[in-house]
Amino acid sequence: MPIHEKSLIRPENLVEHEELVIDGVDVSGHWSTFIKPRTIFDYNEAMQDEIAALPGGENIHRCWQCGSCTNACTVNAVNPEFNPRYWIYLIRLGMEEELLRDKDILWQCVSCNKCTYACPRDVVPEAVMKATAHWMELKGHTPKSNSTHFDEEFASQVIATGKIEESRVIRGFFRKTGQPLNQPWLAALITGLVRRFPLGYLMRMGWATVFRPKTRGWSASRRAIREYVHEREAENRKALGLDATGGH
């Protein structure tokens, strides 16, 4: 299905002449707007299958380009360049190079799921956006986002101990993202906790920070979860034609 929105035409492909007369008719300015023709040679015919193989991308083939997702999108209301319908269109055509031109904004999805509620075909566009962002990371097109670093830190702690200790998650996240610990908002949060929480609760939090308690009998669960995660990661790499190290 062709894309007709003028907003999707790249500015560099629009040409206007300040002064132009054709057959005696003055068509200067926007009347003389031309669109440069483009020929695309580099298609990734497997791109839809690659993204469909990742968690969240399973239903991308159902999209019929009605635009309900973009129309309902919270981010699109602020930034018109954020266009889930258009990106799904590019993915299904295999236009990888064109998709990558928006790699710096595609991750901005806030997971409000308005697109998912509006979609008449159960494509789950929010999940497709996350699968696409994951695909870009696996293919090496983008570095890991802060949200990915946080997810990894959170998951690694759950897998290791079966428990969550918030201060460890925050410290690990800051370490991975190169952020200093002396954040004003963090200092304000800690101050608020000290003032409002009972002393016994604060002591238990401090104990957990130092001794890192684990769930009893967690070793078997930890092995099973790690095995499952390893299998899923291997399947994802295989679907994208990547070897165990992430290369082709």
C-alpha atoms as a PDB file:
ATOM      1  CA  MET A   1       0.000   0.000   0.000  1.00  0.00           C
ATOM      2  CA  PRO A   2       1.597   3.333  -0.992  1.00  0.00           C
ATOM      3  CA  ILE A   3       2.397   6.048   1.493  1.00  0.00           C
ATOM      4  CA  HIS A   4       0.904   9.409   0.529  1.00  0.00           C
ATOM      5  CA  GLU A   5       1.597  11.700   3.509  1.00  0.00           C
ATOM      6  CA  LYS A   6       3.684  14.695   2.492  1.00  0.00           C
ATOM      7  CA  SER A   7       5.211  14.702   5.981  1.00  0.00           C
ATOM      8  CA  LEU A   8       6.926  11.407   5.122  1.00  0.00           C
ATOM      9  CA  ILE A   9       8.787  12.876   2.156  1.00  0.00           C
ATOM     10  CA  ARG A  10      12.317  13.666   3.244  1.00  0.00           C
ATOM     11  CA  PRO A  11      13.060  17.418   3.068  1.00  0.00           C
ATOM     12  CA  GLU A  12      16.210  16.788   1.042  1.00  0.00           C
ATOM     13  CA  ASN A  13      14.050  15.210  -1.668  1.00  0.00           C
ATOM     14  CA  LEU A  14      11.876  18.314  -2.079  1.00  0.00           C
ATOM     15  CA  VAL A  15      13.074  20.906  -4.572  1.00  0.00           C
ATOM     16  CA  GLU A  16      11.591  24.378  -5.012  1.00  0.00           C
ATOM     17  CA  HIS A  17      12.634  27.145  -7.415  1.00  0.00           C
ATOM     18  CA  GLU A  18      12.456  30.687  -6.149  1.00  0.00           C
ATOM     19  CA  GLU A  19      11.977  31.933  -9.705  1.00  0.00           C
ATOM     20  CA  LEU A  20      10.554  29.664 -12.391  1.00  0.00           C
ATOM     21  CA  VAL A  21       8.399  30.379 -15.443  1.00  0.00           C
ATOM     22  CA  ILE A  22       6.975  27.487 -17.515  1.00  0.00           C
ATOM     23  CA  ASP A  23       5.191  28.276 -20.788  1.00  0.00           C
ATOM     24  CA  GLY A  24       4.747  31.851 -19.680  1.00  0.00           C
ATOM     25  CA  VAL A  25       3.243  30.885 -16.320  1.00  0.00           C
ATOM     26  CA  ASP A  26       5.042  31.986 -13.138  1.00  0.00           C
ATOM     27  CA  VAL A  27       5.233  28.953 -10.841  1.00  0.00           C
ATOM     28  CA  SER A  28       7.884  30.296  -8.501  1.00  0.00           C
ATOM     29  CA  GLY A  29       7.994  29.161  -4.859  1.00  0.00           C
ATOM     30  CA  HIS A  30       5.904  26.251  -3.632  1.00  0.00           C
ATOM     31  CA  TRP A  31       4.092  26.060  -6.967  1.00  0.00           C
ATOM     32  CA  SER A  32       7.288  24.646  -8.454  1.00  0.00           C
ATOM     33  CA  THR A  33       7.834  21.940  -5.840  1.00  0.00           C
ATOM     34  CA  PHE A  34       9.327  18.779  -7.269  1.00  0.00           C
ATOM     35  CA  ILE A  35      10.087  15.468  -5.583  1.00  0.00           C
ATOM     36  CA  LYS A  36      13.418  13.936  -6.493  1.00  0.00           C
ATOM     37  CA  PRO A  37      13.017  10.352  -7.700  1.00  0.00           C
ATOM     38  CA  ARG A  38      14.715   7.660  -5.631  1.00  0.00           C
ATOM     39  CA  THR A  39      15.720   4.168  -6.559  1.00  0.00           C
ATOM     40  CA  ILE A  40      16.150   1.741  -3.688  1.00  0.00           C
ATOM     41  CA  PHE A  41      18.324  -1.270  -4.361  1.00  0.00           C
ATOM     42  CA  ASP A  42      19.054  -2.564  -0.870  1.00  0.00           C
ATOM     43  CA  TYR A  43      16.124  -4.596   0.484  1.00  0.00           C
ATOM     44  CA  ASN A  44      16.154  -6.960   3.444  1.00  0.00           C
ATOM     45  CA  GLU A  45      13.515  -9.438   2.370  1.00  0.00           C
ATOM     46  CA  ALA A  46      13.796 -11.257   5.693  1.00  0.00           C
ATOM     47  CA  MET A  47      13.258  -8.171   7.885  1.00  0.00           C
ATOM     48  CA  GLN A  48       9.588  -8.868   8.653  1.00  0.00           C
ATOM     49  CA  ASP A  49      10.397 -12.475   9.543  1.00  0.00           C
ATOM     50  CA  GLU A  50      13.334 -11.357  11.704  1.00  0.00           C
ATOM     51  CA  ILE A  51      11.219  -8.946  13.732  1.00  0.00           C
ATOM     52  CA  ALA A  52       8.294 -11.385  13.852  1.00  0.00           C
ATOM     53  CA  ALA A  53      10.639 -13.938  15.425  1.00  0.00           C
ATOM     54  CA  LEU A  54      11.340 -11.617  18.364  1.00  0.00           C
ATOM     55  CA  PRO A  55       8.997 -11.311  21.372  1.00  0.00           C
ATOM     56  CA  GLY A  56       6.289  -8.791  20.523  1.00  0.00           C
ATOM     57  CA  GLY A  57       6.642  -8.896  16.767  1.00  0.00           C
ATOM     58  CA  GLU A  58       4.582 -12.017  16.156  1.00  0.00           C
ATOM     59  CA  ASN A  59       1.521 -10.262  14.716  1.00  0.00           C
ATOM     60  CA  ILE A  60       3.174  -7.713  12.447  1.00  0.00           C
ATOM     61  CA  HIS A  61       1.889  -9.587   9.371  1.00  0.00           C
ATOM     62  CA  ARG A  62      -1.696  -8.658  10.332  1.00  0.00           C
ATOM     63  CA  CYS A  63      -1.225  -4.922   9.724  1.00  0.00           C
ATOM     64  CA  TRP A  64      -3.372  -3.495   6.922  1.00  0.00           C
ATOM     65  CA  GLN A  65      -2.076   0.074   7.253  1.00  0.00           C
ATOM     66  CA  CYS A  66      -5.261   1.714   8.551  1.00  0.00           C
ATOM     67  CA  GLY A  67      -3.230   4.209  10.619  1.00  0.00           C
ATOM     68  CA  SER A  68      -5.177   3.744  13.866  1.00  0.00           C
ATOM     69  CA  CYS A  69      -1.940   3.203  15.791  1.00  0.00           C
ATOM     70  CA  THR A  70      -0.334   6.454  14.700  1.00  0.00           C
ATOM     71  CA  ASN A  71      -3.600   8.355  15.123  1.00  0.00           C
ATOM     72  CA  ALA A  72      -3.868   7.166  18.746  1.00  0.00           C
ATOM     73  CA  CYS A  73      -0.150   7.495  19.543  1.00  0.00           C
ATOM     74  CA  THR A  74       0.779   9.671  22.521  1.00  0.00           C
ATOM     75  CA  VAL A  75       4.272  10.387  21.190  1.00  0.00           C
ATOM     76  CA  ASN A  76       3.040  11.206  17.672  1.00  0.00           C
ATOM     77  CA  ALA A  77       0.891  13.966  19.154  1.00  0.00           C
ATOM     78  CA  VAL A  78       4.108  15.618  20.348  1.00  0.00           C
ATOM     79  CA  ASN A  79       6.478  14.506  17.590  1.00  0.00           C
ATOM     80  CA  PRO A  80       4.803  13.810  14.203  1.00  0.00           C
ATOM     81  CA  GLU A  81       7.964  12.023  13.040  1.00  0.00           C
ATOM     82  CA  PHE A  82       7.118   9.180  15.444  1.00  0.00           C
ATOM     83  CA  ASN A  83       4.960   7.088  13.111  1.00  0.00           C
ATOM     84  CA  PRO A  84       4.389   3.394  13.974  1.00  0.00           C
ATOM     85  CA  ARG A  85       2.243   2.767  10.903  1.00  0.00           C
ATOM     86  CA  TYR A  86       4.963   4.003   8.570  1.00  0.00           C
ATOM     87  CA  TRP A  87       7.654   1.924  10.274  1.00  0.00           C
ATOM     88  CA  ILE A  88       5.558  -1.228  10.083  1.00  0.00           C
ATOM     89  CA  TYR A  89       5.072  -0.443   6.383  1.00  0.00           C
ATOM     90  CA  LEU A  90       8.850  -0.195   5.908  1.00  0.00           C
ATOM     91  CA  ILE A  91       9.454  -3.423   7.803  1.00  0.00           C
ATOM     92  CA  ARG A  92       6.972  -5.368   5.708  1.00  0.00           C
ATOM     93  CA  LEU A  93       8.572  -4.070   2.518  1.00  0.00           C
ATOM     94  CA  GLY A  94      12.058  -4.889   3.791  1.00  0.00           C
ATOM     95  CA  MET A  95      13.257  -1.293   3.501  1.00  0.00           C
ATOM     96  CA  GLU A  96      15.898  -1.596   6.204  1.00  0.00           C
ATOM     97  CA  GLU A  97      17.970   1.426   5.216  1.00  0.00           C
ATOM     98  CA  GLU A  98      14.904   3.660   5.244  1.00  0.00           C
ATOM     99  CA  LEU A  99      13.842   2.351   8.659  1.00  0.00           C
ATOM    100  CA  LEU A 100      17.285   3.025  10.101  1.00  0.00           C
ATOM    101  CA  ARG A 101      16.977   6.692   9.233  1.00  0.00           C
ATOM    102  CA  ASP A 102      14.563   6.921  12.183  1.00  0.00           C
ATOM    103  CA  LYS A 103      16.566   4.780  14.585  1.00  0.00           C
ATOM    104  CA  ASP A 104      17.152   7.716  16.941  1.00  0.00           C
ATOM    105  CA  ILE A 105      13.439   8.297  17.571  1.00  0.00           C
ATOM    106  CA  LEU A 106      11.905   4.829  17.248  1.00  0.00           C
ATOM    107  CA  TRP A 107      12.887   3.926  20.835  1.00  0.00           C
ATOM    108  CA  GLN A 108      10.782   6.827  22.195  1.00  0.00           C
ATOM    109  CA  CYS A 109       7.679   4.642  22.571  1.00  0.00           C
ATOM    110  CA  VAL A 110       6.277   5.200  26.094  1.00  0.00           C
ATOM    111  CA  SER A 111       4.259   1.943  26.171  1.00  0.00           C
ATOM    112  CA  CYS A 112       0.969   3.725  26.835  1.00  0.00           C
ATOM    113  CA  ASN A 113      -0.680   1.012  24.673  1.00  0.00           C
ATOM    114  CA  LYS A 114      -3.201   3.419  23.126  1.00  0.00           C
ATOM    115  CA  CYS A 115      -2.128   2.030  19.737  1.00  0.00           C
ATOM    116  CA  THR A 116      -2.807  -1.495  20.911  1.00  0.00           C
ATOM    117  CA  TYR A 117      -6.331  -0.619  22.068  1.00  0.00           C
ATOM    118  CA  ALA A 118      -7.040   1.195  18.784  1.00  0.00           C
ATOM    119  CA  CYS A 119      -5.692  -1.508  16.458  1.00  0.00           C
ATOM    120  CA  PRO A 120      -8.553  -3.448  14.781  1.00  0.00           C
ATOM    121  CA  ARG A 121      -6.258  -6.303  13.759  1.00  0.00           C
ATOM    122  CA  ASP A 122      -4.558  -7.135  17.084  1.00  0.00           C
ATOM    123  CA  VAL A 123      -1.149  -6.294  15.663  1.00  0.00           C
ATOM    124  CA  VAL A 124      -0.108  -4.998  19.120  1.00  0.00           C
ATOM    125  CA  PRO A 125       1.903  -2.085  17.663  1.00  0.00           C
ATOM    126  CA  GLU A 126       3.458  -1.236  21.036  1.00  0.00           C
ATOM    127  CA  ALA A 127       5.028  -4.693  21.161  1.00  0.00           C
ATOM    128  CA  VAL A 128       6.140  -4.389  17.533  1.00  0.00           C
ATOM    129  CA  MET A 129       7.934  -1.131  18.389  1.00  0.00           C
ATOM    130  CA  LYS A 130       9.751  -2.845  21.253  1.00  0.00           C
ATOM    131  CA  ALA A 131      10.626  -5.818  19.034  1.00  0.00           C
ATOM    132  CA  THR A 132      11.951  -3.436  16.394  1.00  0.00           C
ATOM    133  CA  ALA A 133      14.088  -1.585  18.948  1.00  0.00           C
ATOM    134  CA  HIS A 134      15.412  -4.952  20.159  1.00  0.00           C
ATOM    135  CA  TRP A 135      16.116  -5.962  16.561  1.00  0.00           C
ATOM    136  CA  MET A 136      18.154  -2.787  16.036  1.00  0.00           C
ATOM    137  CA  GLU A 137      20.226  -3.536  19.134  1.00  0.00           C
ATOM    138  CA  LEU A 138      20.848  -7.155  18.134  1.00  0.00           C
ATOM    139  CA  LYS A 139      21.850  -6.120  14.622  1.00  0.00           C
ATOM    140  CA  GLY A 140      24.269  -3.532  15.996  1.00  0.00           C
ATOM    141  CA  HIS A 141      22.441  -0.574  14.484  1.00  0.00           C
ATOM    142  CA  THR A 142      21.969   1.155  17.850  1.00  0.00           C
ATOM    143  CA  PRO A 143      23.652   0.949  21.266  1.00  0.00           C
ATOM    144  CA  LYS A 144      21.682  -0.407  24.178  1.00  0.00           C
ATOM    145  CA  SER A 145      19.181   2.123  25.467  1.00  0.00           C
ATOM    146  CA  ASN A 146      18.969   3.142  29.124  1.00  0.00           C
ATOM    147  CA  SER A 147      15.731   1.185  29.467  1.00  0.00           C
ATOM    148  CA  THR A 148      17.512  -1.941  28.209  1.00  0.00           C
ATOM    149  CA  HIS A 149      20.314  -1.446  30.737  1.00  0.00           C
ATOM    150  CA  PHE A 150      17.745  -1.083  33.519  1.00  0.00           C
ATOM    151  CA  ASP A 151      15.833  -4.174  32.405  1.00  0.00           C
ATOM    152  CA  GLU A 152      19.046  -6.202  32.312  1.00  0.00           C
ATOM    153  CA  GLU A 153      20.121  -5.025  35.759  1.00  0.00           C
ATOM    154  CA  PHE A 154      16.677  -5.723  37.219  1.00  0.00           C
ATOM    155  CA  ALA A 155      16.456  -9.182  35.604  1.00  0.00           C
ATOM    156  CA  SER A 156      19.989 -10.199  36.554  1.00  0.00           C
ATOM    157  CA  GLN A 157      19.271  -9.475  40.215  1.00  0.00           C
ATOM    158  CA  VAL A 158      16.008 -11.438  40.173  1.00  0.00           C
ATOM    159  CA  ILE A 159      17.729 -14.372  38.492  1.00  0.00           C
ATOM    160  CA  ALA A 160      20.706 -14.303  40.864  1.00  0.00           C
ATOM    161  CA  THR A 161      18.861 -14.012  44.178  1.00  0.00           C
ATOM    162  CA  GLY A 162      15.115 -14.327  43.613  1.00  0.00           C
ATOM    163  CA  LYS A 163      14.710 -10.945  45.311  1.00  0.00           C
ATOM    164  CA  ILE A 164      14.855  -7.255  44.411  1.00  0.00           C
ATOM    165  CA  GLU A 165      16.974  -4.797  46.384  1.00  0.00           C
ATOM    166  CA  GLU A 166      16.251  -1.373  44.945  1.00  0.00           C
ATOM    167  CA  SER A 167      19.518   0.340  45.819  1.00  0.00           C
ATOM    168  CA  ARG A 168      21.520  -2.387  44.042  1.00  0.00           C
ATOM    169  CA  VAL A 169      19.384  -2.013  40.942  1.00  0.00           C
ATOM    170  CA  ILE A 170      19.904   1.769  40.928  1.00  0.00           C
ATOM    171  CA  ARG A 171      23.646   1.513  41.536  1.00  0.00           C
ATOM    172  CA  GLY A 172      24.051  -1.113  38.824  1.00  0.00           C
ATOM    173  CA  PHE A 173      21.988   0.941  36.392  1.00  0.00           C
ATOM    174  CA  PHE A 174      24.017   4.089  37.040  1.00  0.00           C
ATOM    175  CA  ARG A 175      27.255   2.140  36.648  1.00  0.00           C
ATOM    176  CA  LYS A 176      26.224   0.702  33.270  1.00  0.00           C
ATOM    177  CA  THR A 177      25.002   4.037  31.953  1.00  0.00           C
ATOM    178  CA  GLY A 178      27.937   6.058  33.276  1.00  0.00           C
ATOM    179  CA  GLN A 179      25.823   8.256  35.546  1.00  0.00           C
ATOM    180  CA  PRO A 180      27.110   9.600  38.880  1.00  0.00           C
ATOM    181  CA  LEU A 181      25.374   8.502  42.062  1.00  0.00           C
ATOM    182  CA  ASN A 182      25.099  12.047  43.401  1.00  0.00           C
ATOM    183  CA  GLN A 183      21.850  12.781  41.575  1.00  0.00           C
ATOM    184  CA  PRO A 184      19.745  15.560  43.201  1.00  0.00           C
ATOM    185  CA  TRP A 185      16.521  13.582  42.775  1.00  0.00           C
ATOM    186  CA  LEU A 186      18.126  10.515  44.372  1.00  0.00           C
ATOM    187  CA  ALA A 187      19.344  12.537  47.341  1.00  0.00           C
ATOM    188  CA  ALA A 188      15.838  13.984  47.747  1.00  0.00           C
ATOM    189  CA  LEU A 189      14.342  10.475  47.560  1.00  0.00           C
ATOM    190  CA  ILE A 190      16.675   9.095  50.218  1.00  0.00           C
ATOM    191  CA  THR A 191      16.048  12.093  52.464  1.00  0.00           C
ATOM    192  CA  GLY A 192      12.311  11.580  52.116  1.00  0.00           C
ATOM    193  CA  LEU A 193      12.623   7.886  52.972  1.00  0.00           C
ATOM    194  CA  VAL A 194      14.689   8.603  56.079  1.00  0.00           C
ATOM    195  CA  ARG A 195      12.157  11.154  57.307  1.00  0.00           C
ATOM    196  CA  ARG A 196       8.994   9.178  56.645  1.00  0.00           C
ATOM    197  CA  PHE A 197       9.785   5.460  56.947  1.00  0.00           C
ATOM    198  CA  PRO A 198       9.926   3.636  60.306  1.00  0.00           C
ATOM    199  CA  LEU A 199      13.398   2.990  61.671  1.00  0.00           C
ATOM    200  CA  GLY A 200      12.902  -0.780  61.556  1.00  0.00           C
ATOM    201  CA  TYR A 201      12.100  -0.678  57.844  1.00  0.00           C
ATOM    202  CA  LEU A 202      15.175   1.459  57.120  1.00  0.00           C
ATOM    203  CA  MET A 203      17.334  -0.991  59.067  1.00  0.00           C
ATOM    204  CA  ARG A 204      16.008  -3.903  56.999  1.00  0.00           C
ATOM    205  CA  MET A 205      16.764  -1.971  53.808  1.00  0.00           C
ATOM    206  CA  GLY A 206      20.322  -1.329  55.022  1.00  0.00           C
ATOM    207  CA  TRP A 207      20.729  -4.995  55.966  1.00  0.00           C
ATOM    208  CA  ALA A 208      19.592  -6.096  52.503  1.00  0.00           C
ATOM    209  CA  THR A 209      22.018  -3.672  50.880  1.00  0.00           C
ATOM    210  CA  VAL A 210      24.988  -5.093  52.767  1.00  0.00           C
ATOM    211  CA  PHE A 211      24.197  -8.823  52.947  1.00  0.00           C
ATOM    212  CA  ARG A 212      22.153  -9.326  49.730  1.00  0.00           C
ATOM    213  CA  PRO A 213      19.639 -11.930  50.967  1.00  0.00           C
ATOM    214  CA  LYS A 214      18.470 -14.734  48.672  1.00  0.00           C
ATOM    215  CA  THR A 215      15.253 -16.676  48.351  1.00  0.00           C
ATOM    216  CA  ARG A 216      15.539 -20.069  50.028  1.00  0.00           C
ATOM    217  CA  GLY A 217      15.976 -23.002  47.670  1.00  0.00           C
ATOM    218  CA  TRP A 218      16.492 -20.624  44.754  1.00  0.00           C
ATOM    219  CA  SER A 219      19.373 -22.475  43.074  1.00  0.00           C
ATOM    220  CA  ALA A 220      17.149 -24.833  41.046  1.00  0.00           C
ATOM    221  CA  SER A 221      14.943 -21.955  39.903  1.00  0.00           C
ATOM    222  CA  ARG A 222      18.004 -19.903  39.011  1.00  0.00           C
ATOM    223  CA  ARG A 223      19.409 -22.694  36.838  1.00  0.00           C
ATOM    224  CA  ALA A 224      16.063 -23.162  35.071  1.00  0.00           C
ATOM    225  CA  ILE A 225      15.634 -19.436  34.394  1.00  0.00           C
ATOM    226  CA  ARG A 226      19.186 -19.054  33.106  1.00  0.00           C
ATOM    227  CA  GLU A 227      18.730 -22.030  30.823  1.00  0.00           C
ATOM    228  CA  TYR A 228      15.500 -20.561  29.459  1.00  0.00           C
ATOM    229  CA  VAL A 229      17.069 -17.119  28.938  1.00  0.00           C
ATOM    230  CA  HIS A 230      20.022 -18.708  27.146  1.00  0.00           C
ATOM    231  CA  GLU A 231      17.687 -20.659  24.854  1.00  0.00           C
ATOM    232  CA  ARG A 232      15.632 -17.555  24.026  1.00  0.00           C
ATOM    233  CA  GLU A 233      18.723 -15.479  23.280  1.00  0.00           C
ATOM    234  CA  ALA A 234      20.067 -18.235  21.024  1.00  0.00           C
ATOM    235  CA  GLU A 235      16.732 -18.386  19.168  1.00  0.00           C
ATOM    236  CA  ASN A 236      16.719 -14.606  18.697  1.00  0.00           C
ATOM    237  CA  ARG A 237      20.257 -14.611  17.310  1.00  0.00           C
ATOM    238  CA  LYS A 238      19.451 -17.507  15.010  1.00  0.00           C
ATOM    239  CA  ALA A 239      16.348 -15.748  13.687  1.00  0.00           C
ATOM    240  CA  LEU A 240      18.472 -12.754  12.747  1.00  0.00           C
ATOM    241  CA  GLY A 241      21.219 -14.856  11.196  1.00  0.00           C
ATOM    242  CA  LEU A 242      23.663 -14.064  13.988  1.00  0.00           C
ATOM    243  CA  ASP A 243      26.186 -16.391  15.602  1.00  0.00           C
ATOM    244  CA  ALA A 244      26.637 -16.861  19.355  1.00  0.00           C
ATOM    245  CA  THR A 245      28.769 -13.700  19.627  1.00  0.00           C
ATOM    246  CA  GLY A 246      26.238 -11.527  17.801  1.00  0.00           C
ATOM    247  CA  GLY A 247      28.129 -11.404  14.485  1.00  0.00           C
ATOM    248  CA  HIS A 248      26.947 -12.608  11.093  1.00  0.00           C
END
